[in-house]
Structures are given as structure tokens and as C-alpha cells.
């Protein structure tokens, strides 16, 4: 009977150890399930963020293309403006030359007796 009681006590101790191990396994299973759930939620959030960033990236690419197109337009406008400025300066120089030439002719006309006649004097010369 003593051996049976001792054997029974050992079996009870082993059963308690196994129950504790089972309880710990249950706890670990719950923790694992919670961790898996959190990982799934994290993956879902990361996918959403990835999609949002992809959309933002596409929007920024479009904006960059628009800015580059506008920059090209402004560069063309700048070149046209510079060409117009160059032509304008050339025209001003030519106009100044023309004015200078015209002034020289006027000076010659003043010194020329045939061009400095009054209308009455011109009539006398004609008759």
C-alpha cells in the first residue's frame, strides 16, 4: 500500500507537471494567435501605405512632367524673347544710323541754295 501511495503521489506530481506544461502551451498558443493577428493587421496597414505611396508617387511624377513641360515652354519663350531683344537692338541701331544719315542730308539741304529757297524765290527762278 505504501508503494502504491508513493507511486500514486508520483503520478499526481507528473500529472500536475503535465497540466502546467499544457497550461503554458495554451498560453503560448494564445500569444502566437495574437501575434499572428497583429502581423496580419500590420501587413494590411503596410499594403495600404504602399498603395498610398504608389499613388502619391504617380501624382508626383505627373506634377514633375507638368513642371518639366512648363519649363521647356518657358525656355522657348526666353529664347524667343532674347531673339526679339537682339532684333530690337539691331533695329534701334539701324534707326539711329538712318536718323544720322537723314540728319546729314538735312544739313546738306540747308547748305544747298536750291533747297533753302522760299516758295516765292522758287517761283522767280522758274520764270
Foldseek 3Di string as FASTA:
>chain_A
DVVVVVVVVVVVVVVVVVVVVVVVVVVVVVVVVVVVVVVVVVVVVVVVVVVVVVVVVVVVVVVVVVVVVVVVVVVVVVVVVVVVVVVVVVVVVVVVVVVVVVVVVVVVLCVDVVNVDDPVVVVVVVD
